[in-house]
Amino acid sequence: MDGDAGVAAIFVIAFLLALLPAGIARSKGHNFALWYFYALVLFIVALIHALCLQSRKSETVSRTKDISAYADVLTKLADLRDRGVISDVEFEAKKRELNHAAE
């Protein structure tokens, strides 16, 4: 029975320790369940990996700002086209240029 209790204790500790890298990864915008499984299998690797991760939240904010800026420029160009300041051809050329710059 003492051997079974020792094995059970090791499993409990492993399941609790796996919460650490999973929690760190979740705080940086990653999937908690996937990281928990990863930490159960390769705890030390998952912990180091989680500590080195960059936050996905900052990437999302950056992308949102880029999309917002793109939309603002496109709206201003459409307004210039609607007022007759630029032609449809010039508008389409500028839109293509913006699309290529966004890629």
Protein backbone atom coordinates (compact mmCIF):
# COMPACT_ATOMS: atom_id res chain seq x y z
CA MET A 1 0.00 0.00 0.00
CA ASP A 2 2.86 2.40 0.73
CA GLY A 3 4.08 2.06 -2.86
CA ASP A 4 0.61 2.84 -4.21
CA ALA A 5 0.34 5.90 -1.99
CA GLY A 6 3.72 7.14 -3.21
CA VAL A 7 2.74 6.73 -6.86
CA ALA A 8 -0.58 8.47 -6.22
CA ALA A 9 1.23 11.36 -4.54
CA ILE A 10 3.57 11.72 -7.53
CA PHE A 11 0.60 11.86 -9.89
CA VAL A 12 -1.16 14.46 -7.76
CA ILE A 13 1.98 16.59 -7.67
CA ALA A 14 2.42 16.23 -11.45
CA PHE A 15 -1.19 17.27 -12.08
CA LEU A 16 -0.76 20.28 -9.80
CA LEU A 17 2.61 21.32 -11.26
CA ALA A 18 1.16 21.22 -14.79
CA LEU A 19 -1.09 24.10 -13.77
CA LEU A 20 1.92 26.43 -13.61
CA PRO A 21 2.95 26.53 -17.31
CA ALA A 22 -0.70 26.28 -18.39
CA GLY A 23 -1.59 29.30 -16.25
CA ILE A 24 1.36 31.31 -17.57
CA ALA A 25 0.43 30.48 -21.16
CA ARG A 26 -3.23 31.35 -20.52
CA SER A 27 -2.25 34.73 -19.10
CA LYS A 28 -0.46 35.38 -22.40
CA GLY A 29 -3.55 34.53 -24.48
CA HIS A 30 -2.93 30.84 -25.24
CA ASN A 31 -5.19 27.79 -24.81
CA PHE A 32 -5.12 26.56 -21.20
CA ALA A 33 -6.17 22.94 -21.91
CA LEU A 34 -3.55 22.37 -24.61
CA TRP A 35 -0.82 23.84 -22.46
CA TYR A 36 -1.96 21.77 -19.46
CA PHE A 37 -1.62 18.57 -21.48
CA TYR A 38 1.74 19.76 -22.83
CA ALA A 39 2.93 20.42 -19.25
CA LEU A 40 1.75 16.99 -18.08
CA VAL A 41 3.85 15.34 -20.76
CA LEU A 42 6.93 17.60 -20.77
CA PHE A 43 6.80 19.77 -17.67
CA ILE A 44 10.26 21.38 -17.74
CA VAL A 45 10.12 22.07 -21.48
CA ALA A 46 6.58 23.48 -21.20
CA LEU A 47 7.56 25.71 -18.29
CA ILE A 48 10.55 27.20 -20.11
CA HIS A 49 8.48 27.55 -23.29
CA ALA A 50 5.63 29.28 -21.43
CA LEU A 51 8.03 31.71 -19.80
CA CYS A 52 9.52 32.59 -23.20
CA LEU A 53 6.17 33.11 -24.93
CA GLN A 54 5.17 36.51 -26.17
CA SER A 55 1.70 37.74 -25.34
CA ARG A 56 -0.92 37.24 -28.03
CA LYS A 57 -2.89 40.12 -26.59
CA SER A 58 -0.38 42.71 -27.80
CA GLU A 59 -0.42 41.13 -31.28
CA THR A 60 -4.20 41.43 -31.38
CA VAL A 61 -4.09 45.09 -30.35
CA SER A 62 -1.42 45.79 -32.98
CA ARG A 63 -3.45 44.07 -35.72
CA THR A 64 -6.59 45.95 -34.67
CA LYS A 65 -4.74 49.26 -34.94
CA ASP A 66 -3.38 48.30 -38.38
CA ILE A 67 -6.86 47.35 -39.62
CA SER A 68 -8.30 50.55 -38.17
CA ALA A 69 -5.63 52.68 -39.88
CA TYR A 70 -6.21 50.84 -43.18
CA ALA A 71 -9.96 51.42 -42.90
CA ASP A 72 -9.42 55.13 -42.18
CA VAL A 73 -7.21 55.59 -45.24
CA LEU A 74 -9.63 53.66 -47.43
CA THR A 75 -12.57 55.74 -46.15
CA LYS A 76 -10.71 58.97 -46.90
CA LEU A 77 -9.83 57.75 -50.39
CA ALA A 78 -13.45 56.77 -51.02
CA ASP A 79 -14.55 60.22 -49.88
CA LEU A 80 -12.08 61.86 -52.29
CA ARG A 81 -13.39 59.63 -55.09
CA ASP A 82 -17.02 60.44 -54.24
CA ARG A 83 -16.29 64.18 -54.30
CA GLY A 84 -14.57 63.83 -57.67
CA VAL A 85 -11.09 64.77 -56.43
CA ILE A 86 -9.65 61.48 -57.67
CA SER A 87 -10.92 59.15 -60.38
CA ASP A 88 -12.14 55.57 -59.97
CA VAL A 89 -8.93 54.37 -61.61
CA GLU A 90 -6.79 56.34 -59.16
CA PHE A 91 -8.87 55.04 -56.25
CA GLU A 92 -8.48 51.40 -57.35
CA ALA A 93 -4.73 51.86 -57.91
CA LYS A 94 -4.27 53.36 -54.45
CA LYS A 95 -6.41 50.58 -52.91
CA ARG A 96 -4.24 47.92 -54.59
CA GLU A 97 -1.14 49.72 -53.32
CA LEU A 98 -2.52 49.69 -49.77
CA ASN A 99 -3.41 45.99 -50.05
CA HIS A 100 0.13 45.12 -51.17
CA ALA A 101 1.60 47.20 -48.33
CA ALA A 102 -0.63 45.40 -45.80
CA GLU A 103 0.64 41.99 -46.92
